[in-house]
C-alpha atoms as a PDB file:
ATOM      1  CA  MET A   1     -11.671 -17.438 -13.224  1.00  0.00           C
ATOM      2  CA  SER A   2     -11.201 -13.761 -13.821  1.00  0.00           C
ATOM      3  CA  VAL A   3     -13.335 -11.199 -13.497  1.00  0.00           C
ATOM      4  CA  PRO A   4     -13.959  -8.755 -16.373  1.00  0.00           C
ATOM      5  CA  THR A   5     -13.007  -5.304 -15.990  1.00  0.00           C
ATOM      6  CA  PRO A   6     -16.410  -2.954 -15.916  1.00  0.00           C
ATOM      7  CA  ARG A   7     -16.817  -0.623 -18.344  1.00  0.00           C
ATOM      8  CA  ARG A   8     -17.603   2.653 -17.040  1.00  0.00           C
ATOM      9  CA  ALA A   9     -17.865   6.160 -18.147  1.00  0.00           C
ATOM     10  CA  SER A  10     -15.330   8.334 -16.540  1.00  0.00           C
ATOM     11  CA  PRO A  11     -16.377  10.623 -13.913  1.00  0.00           C
ATOM     12  CA  PRO A  12     -17.644  14.306 -14.762  1.00  0.00           C
ATOM     13  CA  GLY A  13     -15.093  17.054 -14.183  1.00  0.00           C
ATOM     14  CA  GLY A  14     -12.307  14.154 -13.713  1.00  0.00           C
ATOM     15  CA  ALA A  15     -13.352  13.438 -10.326  1.00  0.00           C
ATOM     16  CA  GLN A  16     -11.573   9.757  -8.981  1.00  0.00           C
ATOM     17  CA  THR A  17     -13.925   7.251  -8.784  1.00  0.00           C
ATOM     18  CA  ASP A  18     -14.129   5.452  -5.827  1.00  0.00           C
ATOM     19  CA  GLY A  19     -11.749   2.647  -7.106  1.00  0.00           C
ATOM     20  CA  GLU A  20      -9.317   5.289  -8.364  1.00  0.00           C
ATOM     21  CA  THR A  21      -9.291   6.409  -4.790  1.00  0.00           C
ATOM     22  CA  ILE A  22      -8.838   3.154  -2.893  1.00  0.00           C
ATOM     23  CA  ARG A  23      -5.865   2.323  -5.504  1.00  0.00           C
ATOM     24  CA  ALA A  24      -4.397   5.493  -4.769  1.00  0.00           C
ATOM     25  CA  ARG A  25      -4.310   4.277  -0.891  1.00  0.00           C
ATOM     26  CA  TYR A  26      -2.850   1.147  -1.767  1.00  0.00           C
ATOM     27  CA  ARG A  27      -0.107   2.516  -3.688  1.00  0.00           C
ATOM     28  CA  GLU A  28       0.572   4.616  -0.705  1.00  0.00           C
ATOM     29  CA  LEU A  29       0.479   1.672   1.644  1.00  0.00           C
ATOM     30  CA  LEU A  30       2.023  -0.873  -0.327  1.00  0.00           C
ATOM     31  CA  GLY A  31       3.559   0.743  -3.056  1.00  0.00           C
ATOM     32  CA  SER A  32       1.758  -0.997  -5.800  1.00  0.00           C
ATOM     33  CA  VAL A  33      -2.358  -2.530  -5.523  1.00  0.00           C
ATOM     34  CA  PRO A  34      -2.315  -6.131  -5.258  1.00  0.00           C
ATOM     35  CA  PRO A  35      -4.493  -8.147  -7.790  1.00  0.00           C
ATOM     36  CA  ALA A  36      -6.676  -9.424  -4.817  1.00  0.00           C
ATOM     37  CA  ILE A  37      -7.780  -5.578  -4.401  1.00  0.00           C
ATOM     38  CA  GLU A  38      -7.572  -5.138  -8.182  1.00  0.00           C
ATOM     39  CA  ASP A  39     -10.187  -8.320  -8.246  1.00  0.00           C
ATOM     40  CA  ARG A  40     -12.252  -6.549  -5.115  1.00  0.00           C
ATOM     41  CA  ILE A  41     -12.908  -3.195  -6.854  1.00  0.00           C
ATOM     42  CA  ARG A  42     -13.894  -5.096 -10.364  1.00  0.00           C
ATOM     43  CA  VAL A  43     -16.151  -7.431  -8.729  1.00  0.00           C
ATOM     44  CA  CYS A  44     -17.905  -4.492  -6.536  1.00  0.00           C
ATOM     45  CA  GLU A  45     -17.984  -2.315  -9.493  1.00  0.00           C
ATOM     46  CA  LEU A  46     -19.493  -4.964 -11.374  1.00  0.00           C
ATOM     47  CA  ALA A  47     -22.238  -5.604  -8.813  1.00  0.00           C
ATOM     48  CA  GLY A  48     -23.353  -2.373  -7.915  1.00  0.00           C
ATOM     49  CA  ARG A  49     -21.619  -2.673  -4.477  1.00  0.00           C
ATOM     50  CA  THR A  50     -19.234   0.469  -4.797  1.00  0.00           C
ATOM     51  CA  ALA A  51     -21.161   1.749  -1.507  1.00  0.00           C
ATOM     52  CA  ALA A  52     -19.823  -1.026   0.372  1.00  0.00           C
ATOM     53  CA  LEU A  53     -16.554  -1.550  -0.126  1.00  0.00           C
ATOM     54  CA  THR A  54     -16.171   2.448  -0.101  1.00  0.00           C
ATOM     55  CA  ALA A  55     -17.371   1.706   3.561  1.00  0.00           C
ATOM     56  CA  VAL A  56     -14.921  -0.984   3.951  1.00  0.00           C
ATOM     57  CA  GLU A  57     -12.540   0.473   2.670  1.00  0.00           C
ATOM     58  CA  GLU A  58     -13.098   3.391   4.448  1.00  0.00           C
ATOM     59  CA  LEU A  59     -12.503   1.297   8.017  1.00  0.00           C
ATOM     60  CA  ARG A  60      -9.270  -0.002   6.885  1.00  0.00           C
ATOM     61  CA  ALA A  61      -8.127   3.875   6.260  1.00  0.00           C
ATOM     62  CA  ALA A  62      -9.550   4.560   9.974  1.00  0.00           C
ATOM     63  CA  LEU A  63      -7.660   1.544  11.228  1.00  0.00           C
ATOM     64  CA  ILE A  64      -4.454   1.376   9.464  1.00  0.00           C
ATOM     65  CA  MET A  65      -3.628   4.960   7.544  1.00  0.00           C
ATOM     66  CA  ASP A  66      -5.172   7.014  10.794  1.00  0.00           C
ATOM     67  CA  ASN A  67      -4.018   5.230  13.281  1.00  0.00           C
ATOM     68  CA  PRO A  68      -2.100   6.227  16.472  1.00  0.00           C
ATOM     69  CA  LEU A  69       0.699   4.210  15.838  1.00  0.00           C
ATOM     70  CA  GLU A  70       2.991   5.395  13.569  1.00  0.00           C
ATOM     71  CA  ARG A  71       2.710   3.609  10.073  1.00  0.00           C
ATOM     72  CA  LYS A  72       5.934   1.375  10.770  1.00  0.00           C
ATOM     73  CA  VAL A  73       4.865   0.292  13.860  1.00  0.00           C
ATOM     74  CA  ALA A  74       1.166  -0.444  12.318  1.00  0.00           C
ATOM     75  CA  GLN A  75       2.726  -2.301   9.396  1.00  0.00           C
ATOM     76  CA  LEU A  76       4.840  -4.545  12.103  1.00  0.00           C
ATOM     77  CA  VAL A  77       2.236  -5.436  14.258  1.00  0.00           C
ATOM     78  CA  HIS A  78       0.320  -6.583  11.048  1.00  0.00           C
ATOM     79  CA  PHE A  79       2.961  -8.443   9.661  1.00  0.00           C
ATOM     80  CA  GLY A  80       2.750 -10.179  12.733  1.00  0.00           C
ATOM     81  CA  GLN A  81      -0.848 -10.905  13.278  1.00  0.00           C
ATOM     82  CA  LEU A  82      -0.524 -12.442  10.109  1.00  0.00           C
ATOM     83  CA  LEU A  83       2.323 -15.022  10.237  1.00  0.00           C
ATOM     84  CA  VAL A  84       0.649 -16.340  13.509  1.00  0.00           C
ATOM     85  CA  LEU A  85      -2.841 -16.238  11.581  1.00  0.00           C
ATOM     86  CA  GLY A  86      -0.162 -18.436   8.917  1.00  0.00           C
ATOM     87  CA  ARG A  87      -1.243 -15.748   6.045  1.00  0.00           C
ATOM     88  CA  PRO A  88       1.675 -15.637   3.913  1.00  0.00           C
ATOM     89  CA  GLY A  89       0.430 -13.233   1.045  1.00  0.00           C
ATOM     90  CA  PRO A  90      -1.181 -10.852   3.427  1.00  0.00           C
ATOM     91  CA  ALA A  91       1.905 -11.059   5.925  1.00  0.00           C
ATOM     92  CA  ARG A  92       3.923 -10.632   2.875  1.00  0.00           C
ATOM     93  CA  LEU A  93       2.366  -7.386   1.667  1.00  0.00           C
ATOM     94  CA  HIS A  94       2.238  -6.292   5.350  1.00  0.00           C
ATOM     95  CA  ALA A  95       6.239  -6.882   6.012  1.00  0.00           C
ATOM     96  CA  ALA A  96       6.288  -4.518   2.161  1.00  0.00           C
ATOM     97  CA  ALA A  97       4.102  -1.742   3.473  1.00  0.00           C
ATOM     98  CA  ALA A  98       6.310  -2.045   6.558  1.00  0.00           C
ATOM     99  CA  ARG A  99       9.994  -2.021   5.176  1.00  0.00           C
ATOM    100  CA  GLN A 100       8.437   1.291   2.776  1.00  0.00           C
ATOM    101  CA  ALA A 101       7.732   2.756   6.147  1.00  0.00           C
ATOM    102  CA  GLY A 102      11.442   2.585   7.273  1.00  0.00           C
ATOM    103  CA  ALA A 103      10.970  -1.284   8.763  1.00  0.00           C
ATOM    104  CA  SER A 104      14.570  -2.889   8.861  1.00  0.00           C
ATOM    105  CA  LEU A 105      15.242  -6.587   8.560  1.00  0.00           C
ATOM    106  CA  PRO A 106      16.589  -7.012  12.186  1.00  0.00           C
ATOM    107  CA  GLU A 107      12.824  -5.270  12.962  1.00  0.00           C
ATOM    108  CA  LEU A 108      10.904  -7.536  10.432  1.00  0.00           C
ATOM    109  CA  LEU A 109      12.985 -10.378  11.761  1.00  0.00           C
ATOM    110  CA  GLY A 110      11.746  -9.658  15.411  1.00  0.00           C
ATOM    111  CA  VAL A 111       8.255  -9.659  14.737  1.00  0.00           C
ATOM    112  CA  ALA A 112       8.324 -13.831  13.713  1.00  0.00           C
ATOM    113  CA  GLU A 113      10.440 -13.737  16.579  1.00  0.00           C
ATOM    114  CA  LEU A 114       7.781 -12.882  18.692  1.00  0.00           C
ATOM    115  CA  ALA A 115       4.958 -14.722  16.654  1.00  0.00           C
ATOM    116  CA  LEU A 116       6.638 -17.366  17.576  1.00  0.00           C
ATOM    117  CA  ILE A 117       5.373 -17.413  21.287  1.00  0.00           C
ATOM    118  CA  THR A 118       1.686 -16.836  20.150  1.00  0.00           C
ATOM    119  CA  GLY A 119       1.584 -19.060  16.811  1.00  0.00           C
ATOM    120  CA  GLY A 120       4.481 -21.054  17.190  1.00  0.00           C
ATOM    121  CA  MET A 121       7.328 -22.777  14.968  1.00  0.00           C
ATOM    122  CA  PRO A 122       5.030 -22.483  11.985  1.00  0.00           C
ATOM    123  CA  ALA A 123       4.600 -18.522  12.461  1.00  0.00           C
ATOM    124  CA  TYR A 124       8.030 -18.138  12.799  1.00  0.00           C
ATOM    125  CA  SER A 125       9.082 -20.368  10.467  1.00  0.00           C
ATOM    126  CA  LEU A 126       6.507 -18.652   7.977  1.00  0.00           C
ATOM    127  CA  GLY A 127       8.278 -15.178   8.655  1.00  0.00           C
ATOM    128  CA  ILE A 128      12.125 -16.959   8.153  1.00  0.00           C
ATOM    129  CA  GLU A 129      10.374 -17.927   4.745  1.00  0.00           C
ATOM    130  CA  ILE A 130       9.046 -14.193   3.841  1.00  0.00           C
ATOM    131  CA  LEU A 131      12.407 -12.669   5.547  1.00  0.00           C
ATOM    132  CA  ALA A 132      14.756 -14.983   3.308  1.00  0.00           C
ATOM    133  CA  GLU A 133      13.018 -14.585  -0.229  1.00  0.00           C
ATOM    134  CA  PRO A 134      15.021 -12.417  -2.550  1.00  0.00           C
ATOM    135  CA  SER A 135      12.870  -9.329  -2.787  1.00  0.00           C
ATOM    136  CA  ASP A 136      12.512  -5.610  -1.460  1.00  0.00           C
ATOM    137  CA  VAL A 137      10.959  -6.871   1.943  1.00  0.00           C
ATOM    138  CA  GLY A 138      13.738  -9.613   3.130  1.00  0.00           C
ATOM    139  CA  MET A 139      17.173 -10.503   1.529  1.00  0.00           C
ATOM    140  CA  PRO A 140      19.323  -8.631  -1.133  1.00  0.00           C
END
C-alpha cells in the first residue's frame, strides 16, 4: 500500500523543507533518493513528525557525511556490514555510493571477500550477486 503524498504549502521565501534537505543529502551520497527514503519522508510529514525525521537524518549525516573516514572508505565499510547482515537492498545502495565516491570493482570485491570472514559464505555470495549484476555498481 502506498502512502499518499501530503499537500503542503511551499515554505516562505523559497526555503527548503526538511524533506527537500534530506533528499538533497541522499542525492549527494547516492546520486538519487531511494524509494524507501521517499516513503520515510512522506510518512513522517503526514504524521507531523518531521522533527523526529530531521533528528534521525542529522544523526545519519554526522555518522556518514561527516565521518572522519573518507567517503569511499566509509561506504565500503557500510557495504561490508550490510553484506554480513544479509541486507541486499541497502547493500546495493551503499555499493553504489562507494562507486560514486570512487571505489573500484576490485575494492568492492575485496569487501565481499572480507565479509566472508564474519558473515560466512552467504555474505560473500550476496556480495558476488550484487557485483555480478549489470549496473553502475558491478559488471558493465
